[in-house]
Amino acid sequence: MAASGNNRSMESRTGRSNQRYNSKGERLVAGVVPLNEDKAYVMLIQSTRRKGWVLPKGGWEMDEECHEAAAREAWEEAGIFVQIDYDLGDIQETTPRKDSSKDKQRSLYRFYEVTVTSEEQDWPEREKRERKWFTFAEAKELLKDRPELQSALERSTMKR
């Protein structure tokens, strides 16, 4: 795998063979609420599966701690280096299911509030995703169809 100057892989992890699940069978997902230094803006990224904007997040894998998975996802999806400030706790997935995925297992999210320390120009998913800074009100509206992501935003200390 190619690595960046910060010794980070330039390839995103794929697949779920190393994915963690809890005793209820829920997929464990780690994510970040990436804020600028004065907490006035949050960075969202374009979703690759659904239309719209999301927070950087992804599967927590067996070979890493949850906060490490969150920082890895911030790098892979948004091209940012972060300082973890707060553990925002667990959030149950509540997004309504489409008919075809009723049997699909839910996810349990663990989000961290982070301060973005660096935005890199080259990152693993730069060809797939756009990243952009938003105010709290803008982000809350953009995340309205993703209650678990909205909840993470609301738990943060971001300026309202």
N, C-alpha and C. Protein backbone atom coordinates (compact mmCIF):
# COMPACT_ATOMS: atom_id res chain seq x y z
N MET A 1 0.83 -1.20 0.00
CA MET A 1 0.00 0.00 0.00
C MET A 1 0.87 1.25 0.00
N ALA A 2 0.45 2.20 -0.76
CA ALA A 2 1.17 3.48 -0.77
C ALA A 2 0.82 4.25 0.49
N ALA A 3 1.75 5.04 0.98
CA ALA A 3 1.50 5.83 2.18
C ALA A 3 1.74 7.30 1.88
N SER A 4 1.08 8.15 2.64
CA SER A 4 1.25 9.59 2.49
C SER A 4 2.45 10.04 3.32
N GLY A 5 2.76 11.30 3.25
CA GLY A 5 3.86 11.86 4.01
C GLY A 5 3.66 11.73 5.51
N ASN A 6 2.43 11.61 5.95
CA ASN A 6 2.12 11.44 7.37
C ASN A 6 2.04 9.97 7.76
N ASN A 7 2.59 9.11 6.91
CA ASN A 7 2.63 7.68 7.16
C ASN A 7 1.23 7.07 7.24
N ARG A 8 0.31 7.60 6.46
CA ARG A 8 -1.04 7.06 6.38
C ARG A 8 -1.19 6.37 5.05
N SER A 9 -1.95 5.30 5.05
CA SER A 9 -2.20 4.57 3.82
C SER A 9 -2.98 5.45 2.84
N MET A 10 -2.67 5.31 1.57
CA MET A 10 -3.42 6.03 0.54
C MET A 10 -4.50 5.13 -0.06
N GLU A 11 -4.78 4.01 0.59
CA GLU A 11 -5.86 3.11 0.16
C GLU A 11 -6.83 2.93 1.32
N SER A 12 -8.12 3.00 1.01
CA SER A 12 -9.14 2.78 2.03
C SER A 12 -9.27 1.29 2.30
N ARG A 13 -9.57 0.97 3.54
CA ARG A 13 -9.88 -0.42 3.87
C ARG A 13 -11.22 -0.76 3.24
N THR A 14 -11.36 -1.97 2.77
CA THR A 14 -12.62 -2.40 2.18
C THR A 14 -13.00 -3.77 2.73
N GLY A 15 -14.25 -4.12 2.58
CA GLY A 15 -14.74 -5.42 3.03
C GLY A 15 -15.08 -5.41 4.50
N ARG A 16 -15.69 -6.49 4.95
CA ARG A 16 -16.13 -6.57 6.34
C ARG A 16 -15.59 -7.80 7.07
N SER A 17 -14.55 -8.42 6.52
CA SER A 17 -14.02 -9.63 7.15
C SER A 17 -13.40 -9.34 8.52
N ASN A 18 -12.98 -8.11 8.76
CA ASN A 18 -12.34 -7.72 10.02
C ASN A 18 -13.27 -6.84 10.88
N GLN A 19 -14.54 -6.77 10.48
CA GLN A 19 -15.54 -5.89 11.10
C GLN A 19 -15.93 -6.40 12.49
N ARG A 20 -16.12 -5.45 13.42
CA ARG A 20 -16.61 -5.79 14.76
C ARG A 20 -18.13 -5.73 14.80
N TYR A 21 -18.71 -6.65 15.58
CA TYR A 21 -20.15 -6.68 15.86
C TYR A 21 -20.32 -6.88 17.36
N ASN A 22 -21.41 -6.36 17.92
CA ASN A 22 -21.66 -6.57 19.34
C ASN A 22 -22.49 -7.84 19.54
N SER A 23 -22.85 -8.12 20.80
CA SER A 23 -23.58 -9.35 21.12
C SER A 23 -24.98 -9.40 20.53
N LYS A 24 -25.53 -8.23 20.15
CA LYS A 24 -26.84 -8.18 19.49
C LYS A 24 -26.73 -8.33 17.97
N GLY A 25 -25.50 -8.46 17.48
CA GLY A 25 -25.29 -8.58 16.04
C GLY A 25 -25.23 -7.25 15.31
N GLU A 26 -25.19 -6.15 16.06
CA GLU A 26 -25.13 -4.83 15.43
C GLU A 26 -23.70 -4.55 14.96
N ARG A 27 -23.58 -4.02 13.76
CA ARG A 27 -22.28 -3.62 13.22
C ARG A 27 -21.81 -2.39 13.99
N LEU A 28 -20.57 -2.41 14.46
CA LEU A 28 -20.02 -1.29 15.23
C LEU A 28 -19.32 -0.32 14.28
N VAL A 29 -19.77 0.93 14.32
CA VAL A 29 -19.29 1.96 13.40
C VAL A 29 -18.68 3.10 14.21
N ALA A 30 -17.50 3.57 13.78
CA ALA A 30 -16.82 4.69 14.42
C ALA A 30 -16.85 5.89 13.49
N GLY A 31 -17.07 7.09 14.08
CA GLY A 31 -17.13 8.28 13.25
C GLY A 31 -16.68 9.52 13.99
N VAL A 32 -16.57 10.61 13.24
CA VAL A 32 -16.13 11.88 13.82
C VAL A 32 -17.08 13.01 13.46
N VAL A 33 -17.14 13.98 14.37
CA VAL A 33 -17.78 15.27 14.12
C VAL A 33 -16.59 16.24 14.01
N PRO A 34 -16.11 16.49 12.76
CA PRO A 34 -14.89 17.27 12.58
C PRO A 34 -15.15 18.78 12.60
N LEU A 35 -14.61 19.44 13.62
CA LEU A 35 -14.82 20.87 13.79
C LEU A 35 -13.54 21.64 13.49
N ASN A 36 -13.73 22.91 13.07
CA ASN A 36 -12.56 23.78 12.94
C ASN A 36 -12.16 24.23 14.34
N GLU A 37 -11.04 24.94 14.44
CA GLU A 37 -10.47 25.25 15.75
C GLU A 37 -11.41 26.04 16.67
N ASP A 38 -12.16 26.99 16.11
CA ASP A 38 -13.05 27.79 16.97
C ASP A 38 -14.47 27.21 17.08
N LYS A 39 -14.65 26.02 16.56
CA LYS A 39 -15.91 25.27 16.66
C LYS A 39 -17.10 25.95 15.97
N ALA A 40 -16.80 26.81 14.99
CA ALA A 40 -17.86 27.51 14.26
C ALA A 40 -18.34 26.73 13.04
N TYR A 41 -17.52 25.78 12.56
CA TYR A 41 -17.85 25.03 11.34
C TYR A 41 -17.57 23.54 11.53
N VAL A 42 -18.40 22.73 10.88
CA VAL A 42 -18.23 21.29 10.85
C VAL A 42 -18.00 20.86 9.41
N MET A 43 -17.11 19.90 9.21
CA MET A 43 -16.86 19.38 7.87
C MET A 43 -17.75 18.18 7.60
N LEU A 44 -18.47 18.24 6.50
CA LEU A 44 -19.25 17.10 6.02
C LEU A 44 -18.63 16.62 4.71
N ILE A 45 -18.92 15.36 4.37
CA ILE A 45 -18.43 14.78 3.13
C ILE A 45 -19.60 14.25 2.32
N GLN A 46 -19.41 14.15 1.01
CA GLN A 46 -20.44 13.58 0.14
C GLN A 46 -20.52 12.08 0.38
N SER A 47 -21.72 11.58 0.53
CA SER A 47 -21.94 10.15 0.65
C SER A 47 -21.70 9.49 -0.69
N THR A 48 -21.12 8.29 -0.67
CA THR A 48 -20.93 7.57 -1.94
C THR A 48 -22.12 6.66 -2.23
N ARG A 49 -22.89 6.26 -1.21
CA ARG A 49 -24.01 5.34 -1.40
C ARG A 49 -25.35 6.03 -1.54
N ARG A 50 -25.52 7.12 -0.83
CA ARG A 50 -26.79 7.86 -0.85
C ARG A 50 -26.48 9.26 -1.36
N LYS A 51 -27.50 9.96 -1.76
CA LYS A 51 -27.28 11.36 -2.13
C LYS A 51 -27.12 12.16 -0.85
N GLY A 52 -26.35 13.21 -0.93
CA GLY A 52 -26.27 14.12 0.20
C GLY A 52 -24.98 14.06 0.97
N TRP A 53 -24.99 14.73 2.11
CA TRP A 53 -23.81 14.94 2.95
C TRP A 53 -23.91 14.11 4.21
N VAL A 54 -22.75 13.65 4.70
CA VAL A 54 -22.68 12.83 5.91
C VAL A 54 -21.44 13.21 6.71
N LEU A 55 -21.37 12.69 7.93
CA LEU A 55 -20.16 12.79 8.74
C LEU A 55 -19.23 11.63 8.37
N PRO A 56 -17.92 11.81 8.44
CA PRO A 56 -17.00 10.69 8.17
C PRO A 56 -17.21 9.59 9.21
N LYS A 57 -17.40 8.36 8.73
CA LYS A 57 -17.63 7.23 9.62
C LYS A 57 -17.43 5.94 8.85
N GLY A 58 -17.24 4.86 9.58
CA GLY A 58 -17.08 3.56 8.92
C GLY A 58 -16.87 2.48 9.95
N GLY A 59 -16.73 1.26 9.48
CA GLY A 59 -16.62 0.11 10.37
C GLY A 59 -15.42 0.15 11.29
N TRP A 60 -15.68 -0.22 12.55
CA TRP A 60 -14.62 -0.38 13.54
C TRP A 60 -14.12 -1.81 13.39
N GLU A 61 -12.82 -1.95 13.13
CA GLU A 61 -12.27 -3.27 12.83
C GLU A 61 -11.54 -3.88 14.02
N MET A 62 -11.32 -5.19 13.95
CA MET A 62 -10.76 -5.98 15.05
C MET A 62 -9.36 -5.54 15.49
N ASP A 63 -8.58 -4.98 14.57
CA ASP A 63 -7.18 -4.67 14.88
C ASP A 63 -6.95 -3.24 15.35
N GLU A 64 -8.02 -2.56 15.79
CA GLU A 64 -7.88 -1.17 16.20
C GLU A 64 -8.84 -0.85 17.34
N GLU A 65 -8.48 0.19 18.09
CA GLU A 65 -9.37 0.73 19.11
C GLU A 65 -10.41 1.61 18.40
N CYS A 66 -11.53 1.89 19.04
CA CYS A 66 -12.60 2.65 18.41
C CYS A 66 -12.13 4.04 17.98
N HIS A 67 -11.39 4.75 18.85
CA HIS A 67 -10.92 6.09 18.48
C HIS A 67 -9.94 6.04 17.31
N GLU A 68 -9.18 4.95 17.19
CA GLU A 68 -8.27 4.79 16.05
C GLU A 68 -9.07 4.59 14.75
N ALA A 69 -10.15 3.82 14.83
CA ALA A 69 -11.01 3.61 13.66
C ALA A 69 -11.62 4.94 13.22
N ALA A 70 -12.06 5.75 14.18
CA ALA A 70 -12.66 7.05 13.86
C ALA A 70 -11.64 7.95 13.14
N ALA A 71 -10.42 8.01 13.67
CA ALA A 71 -9.38 8.84 13.05
C ALA A 71 -9.02 8.30 11.66
N ARG A 72 -9.01 6.97 11.50
CA ARG A 72 -8.73 6.37 10.19
C ARG A 72 -9.81 6.75 9.18
N GLU A 73 -11.06 6.66 9.59
CA GLU A 73 -12.16 7.04 8.69
C GLU A 73 -12.08 8.51 8.30
N ALA A 74 -11.71 9.39 9.26
CA ALA A 74 -11.55 10.82 8.95
C ALA A 74 -10.50 10.99 7.86
N TRP A 75 -9.41 10.23 7.95
CA TRP A 75 -8.35 10.30 6.94
C TRP A 75 -8.84 9.74 5.60
N GLU A 76 -9.37 8.52 5.60
CA GLU A 76 -9.74 7.86 4.36
C GLU A 76 -10.83 8.63 3.60
N GLU A 77 -11.87 9.07 4.32
CA GLU A 77 -13.02 9.68 3.65
C GLU A 77 -12.91 11.17 3.45
N ALA A 78 -12.25 11.88 4.37
CA ALA A 78 -12.22 13.36 4.29
C ALA A 78 -10.82 13.92 4.07
N GLY A 79 -9.79 13.10 4.20
CA GLY A 79 -8.43 13.60 4.00
C GLY A 79 -7.98 14.56 5.09
N ILE A 80 -8.44 14.31 6.32
CA ILE A 80 -8.10 15.20 7.42
C ILE A 80 -7.37 14.45 8.52
N PHE A 81 -6.47 15.17 9.18
CA PHE A 81 -5.85 14.69 10.40
C PHE A 81 -6.56 15.40 11.53
N VAL A 82 -6.79 14.67 12.62
CA VAL A 82 -7.64 15.20 13.68
C VAL A 82 -7.03 14.97 15.06
N GLN A 83 -7.47 15.82 15.98
CA GLN A 83 -7.19 15.65 17.40
C GLN A 83 -8.52 15.29 18.04
N ILE A 84 -8.57 14.15 18.73
CA ILE A 84 -9.82 13.73 19.37
C ILE A 84 -10.00 14.52 20.65
N ASP A 85 -11.15 15.19 20.76
CA ASP A 85 -11.44 16.03 21.92
C ASP A 85 -12.41 15.37 22.89
N TYR A 86 -13.49 14.77 22.38
CA TYR A 86 -14.52 14.19 23.24
C TYR A 86 -15.09 12.92 22.62
N ASP A 87 -15.41 11.97 23.50
CA ASP A 87 -16.16 10.79 23.10
C ASP A 87 -17.63 11.18 23.25
N LEU A 88 -18.37 11.16 22.16
CA LEU A 88 -19.77 11.58 22.17
C LEU A 88 -20.72 10.42 22.48
N GLY A 89 -20.17 9.24 22.70
CA GLY A 89 -20.99 8.10 23.13
C GLY A 89 -21.61 7.32 21.98
N ASP A 90 -22.38 6.32 22.38
CA ASP A 90 -23.05 5.43 21.41
C ASP A 90 -24.36 6.03 20.94
N ILE A 91 -24.67 5.80 19.68
CA ILE A 91 -25.91 6.26 19.07
C ILE A 91 -26.48 5.11 18.24
N GLN A 92 -27.71 4.72 18.53
CA GLN A 92 -28.39 3.65 17.77
C GLN A 92 -28.79 4.16 16.40
N GLU A 93 -28.65 3.31 15.42
CA GLU A 93 -29.15 3.63 14.08
C GLU A 93 -30.67 3.60 14.11
N THR A 94 -31.29 4.65 13.59
CA THR A 94 -32.76 4.71 13.55
C THR A 94 -33.28 5.06 12.17
N THR A 95 -32.39 5.14 11.18
CA THR A 95 -32.80 5.49 9.83
C THR A 95 -33.83 4.48 9.33
N PRO A 96 -34.96 4.96 8.80
CA PRO A 96 -35.97 4.03 8.27
C PRO A 96 -35.37 3.15 7.16
N ARG A 97 -35.78 1.88 7.15
CA ARG A 97 -35.26 0.93 6.17
C ARG A 97 -36.14 0.90 4.93
N LYS A 98 -35.49 0.71 3.80
CA LYS A 98 -36.23 0.46 2.57
C LYS A 98 -36.68 -1.00 2.61
N ASP A 99 -37.73 -1.34 1.87
CA ASP A 99 -38.29 -2.70 1.91
C ASP A 99 -37.25 -3.80 1.75
N SER A 100 -36.32 -3.62 0.82
CA SER A 100 -35.37 -4.69 0.50
C SER A 100 -34.37 -4.95 1.61
N SER A 101 -34.24 -4.05 2.59
CA SER A 101 -33.20 -4.25 3.61
C SER A 101 -33.76 -4.39 5.02
N LYS A 102 -35.02 -4.82 5.14
CA LYS A 102 -35.63 -4.98 6.46
C LYS A 102 -34.88 -5.98 7.33
N ASP A 103 -34.31 -7.01 6.72
CA ASP A 103 -33.60 -8.04 7.48
C ASP A 103 -32.16 -7.63 7.79
N LYS A 104 -31.70 -6.58 7.19
CA LYS A 104 -30.32 -6.15 7.39
C LYS A 104 -30.11 -5.71 8.84
N GLN A 105 -28.98 -6.09 9.40
CA GLN A 105 -28.68 -5.76 10.79
C GLN A 105 -28.42 -4.26 10.95
N ARG A 106 -28.87 -3.71 12.04
CA ARG A 106 -28.65 -2.30 12.37
C ARG A 106 -27.20 -2.07 12.76
N SER A 107 -26.82 -0.80 12.82
CA SER A 107 -25.48 -0.42 13.26
C SER A 107 -25.58 0.33 14.58
N LEU A 108 -24.51 0.25 15.36
CA LEU A 108 -24.36 1.04 16.58
C LEU A 108 -23.17 1.96 16.34
N TYR A 109 -23.43 3.27 16.41
CA TYR A 109 -22.40 4.26 16.11
C TYR A 109 -21.73 4.75 17.38
N ARG A 110 -20.42 5.03 17.30
CA ARG A 110 -19.69 5.72 18.37
C ARG A 110 -18.99 6.89 17.68
N PHE A 111 -19.41 8.10 18.06
CA PHE A 111 -18.82 9.30 17.47
C PHE A 111 -17.90 10.01 18.44
N TYR A 112 -16.92 10.68 17.87
CA TYR A 112 -15.97 11.51 18.61
C TYR A 112 -16.00 12.92 18.05
N GLU A 113 -16.01 13.90 18.94
CA GLU A 113 -15.81 15.28 18.50
C GLU A 113 -14.31 15.45 18.30
N VAL A 114 -13.93 15.98 17.15
CA VAL A 114 -12.51 16.17 16.85
C VAL A 114 -12.26 17.57 16.32
N THR A 115 -11.04 18.03 16.51
CA THR A 115 -10.59 19.28 15.89
C THR A 115 -9.73 18.89 14.70
N VAL A 116 -10.03 19.47 13.54
CA VAL A 116 -9.23 19.21 12.34
C VAL A 116 -7.91 19.96 12.48
N THR A 117 -6.81 19.21 12.41
CA THR A 117 -5.48 19.81 12.54
C THR A 117 -4.81 20.01 11.19
N SER A 118 -5.28 19.26 10.17
CA SER A 118 -4.69 19.39 8.83
C SER A 118 -5.66 18.86 7.79
N GLU A 119 -5.78 19.59 6.67
CA GLU A 119 -6.57 19.14 5.51
C GLU A 119 -5.58 18.85 4.39
N GLU A 120 -5.48 17.59 4.00
CA GLU A 120 -4.54 17.19 2.95
C GLU A 120 -5.19 17.34 1.58
N GLN A 121 -4.38 17.59 0.57
CA GLN A 121 -4.90 17.74 -0.79
C GLN A 121 -5.08 16.39 -1.48
N ASP A 122 -4.36 15.38 -1.00
CA ASP A 122 -4.42 14.06 -1.59
C ASP A 122 -4.79 13.09 -0.47
N TRP A 123 -5.86 12.30 -0.68
CA TRP A 123 -6.29 11.34 0.33
C TRP A 123 -6.96 10.17 -0.37
N PRO A 124 -7.15 9.05 0.33
CA PRO A 124 -7.63 7.83 -0.33
C PRO A 124 -8.92 7.97 -1.13
N GLU A 125 -9.93 8.69 -0.63
CA GLU A 125 -11.22 8.75 -1.33
C GLU A 125 -11.48 10.10 -2.00
N ARG A 126 -10.42 10.82 -2.33
CA ARG A 126 -10.57 12.16 -2.94
C ARG A 126 -11.31 12.11 -4.28
N GLU A 127 -11.19 11.00 -5.00
CA GLU A 127 -11.87 10.87 -6.30
C GLU A 127 -13.36 10.58 -6.13
N LYS A 128 -13.76 10.08 -4.95
CA LYS A 128 -15.15 9.67 -4.71
C LYS A 128 -15.96 10.68 -3.92
N ARG A 129 -15.27 11.56 -3.17
CA ARG A 129 -15.98 12.41 -2.22
C ARG A 129 -15.53 13.86 -2.30
N GLU A 130 -16.50 14.73 -2.03
CA GLU A 130 -16.21 16.15 -1.84
C GLU A 130 -16.30 16.39 -0.35
N ARG A 131 -15.54 17.35 0.16
CA ARG A 131 -15.65 17.75 1.57
C ARG A 131 -15.91 19.24 1.62
N LYS A 132 -16.66 19.66 2.63
CA LYS A 132 -17.04 21.07 2.70
C LYS A 132 -17.38 21.43 4.14
N TRP A 133 -17.08 22.69 4.52
CA TRP A 133 -17.38 23.20 5.86
C TRP A 133 -18.78 23.82 5.87
N PHE A 134 -19.52 23.57 6.97
CA PHE A 134 -20.88 24.08 7.13
C PHE A 134 -21.06 24.63 8.55
N THR A 135 -22.01 25.57 8.69
CA THR A 135 -22.41 26.04 10.02
C THR A 135 -23.27 24.94 10.65
N PHE A 136 -23.54 25.08 11.95
CA PHE A 136 -24.39 24.12 12.65
C PHE A 136 -25.76 24.01 11.98
N ALA A 137 -26.40 25.16 11.72
CA ALA A 137 -27.75 25.16 11.13
C ALA A 137 -27.74 24.49 9.75
N GLU A 138 -26.74 24.79 8.93
CA GLU A 138 -26.65 24.17 7.60
C GLU A 138 -26.47 22.66 7.73
N ALA A 139 -25.55 22.24 8.60
CA ALA A 139 -25.27 20.81 8.76
C ALA A 139 -26.49 20.07 9.31
N LYS A 140 -27.16 20.65 10.29
CA LYS A 140 -28.34 20.01 10.87
C LYS A 140 -29.40 19.76 9.80
N GLU A 141 -29.61 20.74 8.92
CA GLU A 141 -30.57 20.59 7.82
C GLU A 141 -30.11 19.51 6.84
N LEU A 142 -28.82 19.51 6.48
CA LEU A 142 -28.30 18.53 5.52
C LEU A 142 -28.35 17.10 6.06
N LEU A 143 -28.31 16.95 7.38
CA LEU A 143 -28.33 15.62 8.00
C LEU A 143 -29.73 15.19 8.45
N LYS A 144 -30.76 15.92 8.01
CA LYS A 144 -32.12 15.67 8.51
C LYS A 144 -32.64 14.27 8.22
N ASP A 145 -32.14 13.62 7.17
CA ASP A 145 -32.58 12.26 6.85
C ASP A 145 -31.73 11.19 7.54
N ARG A 146 -30.77 11.61 8.35
CA ARG A 146 -29.88 10.68 9.06
C ARG A 146 -29.88 11.03 10.55
N PRO A 147 -30.92 10.60 11.28
CA PRO A 147 -31.06 10.99 12.68
C PRO A 147 -29.84 10.66 13.55
N GLU A 148 -29.16 9.55 13.28
CA GLU A 148 -28.00 9.20 14.10
C GLU A 148 -26.85 10.19 13.88
N LEU A 149 -26.71 10.71 12.68
CA LEU A 149 -25.66 11.69 12.39
C LEU A 149 -26.05 13.05 12.99
N GLN A 150 -27.32 13.37 12.88
CA GLN A 150 -27.82 14.62 13.48
C GLN A 150 -27.62 14.60 14.99
N SER A 151 -27.85 13.46 15.60
CA SER A 151 -27.68 13.32 17.04
C SER A 151 -26.21 13.54 17.44
N ALA A 152 -25.28 12.99 16.67
CA ALA A 152 -23.85 13.20 16.95
C ALA A 152 -23.51 14.69 16.87
N LEU A 153 -24.03 15.37 15.85
CA LEU A 153 -23.80 16.81 15.69
C LEU A 153 -24.33 17.56 16.91
N GLU A 154 -25.55 17.20 17.32
CA GLU A 154 -26.18 17.89 18.46
C GLU A 154 -25.46 17.64 19.78
N ARG A 155 -24.80 16.49 19.92
CA ARG A 155 -24.04 16.19 21.14
C ARG A 155 -22.71 16.96 21.20
N SER A 156 -22.27 17.45 20.06
CA SER A 156 -20.98 18.15 20.02
C SER A 156 -21.06 19.52 20.69
N THR A 157 -19.89 20.11 20.94
CA THR A 157 -19.82 21.44 21.54
C THR A 157 -19.73 22.53 20.48
N MET A 158 -20.08 22.20 19.25
CA MET A 158 -20.05 23.16 18.16
C MET A 158 -20.92 24.37 18.47
N LYS A 159 -20.48 25.55 18.04
CA LYS A 159 -21.26 26.78 18.24
C LYS A 159 -22.55 26.67 17.43
N ARG A 160 -23.66 27.01 18.10
CA ARG A 160 -24.99 26.92 17.46
C ARG A 160 -25.25 28.19 16.67
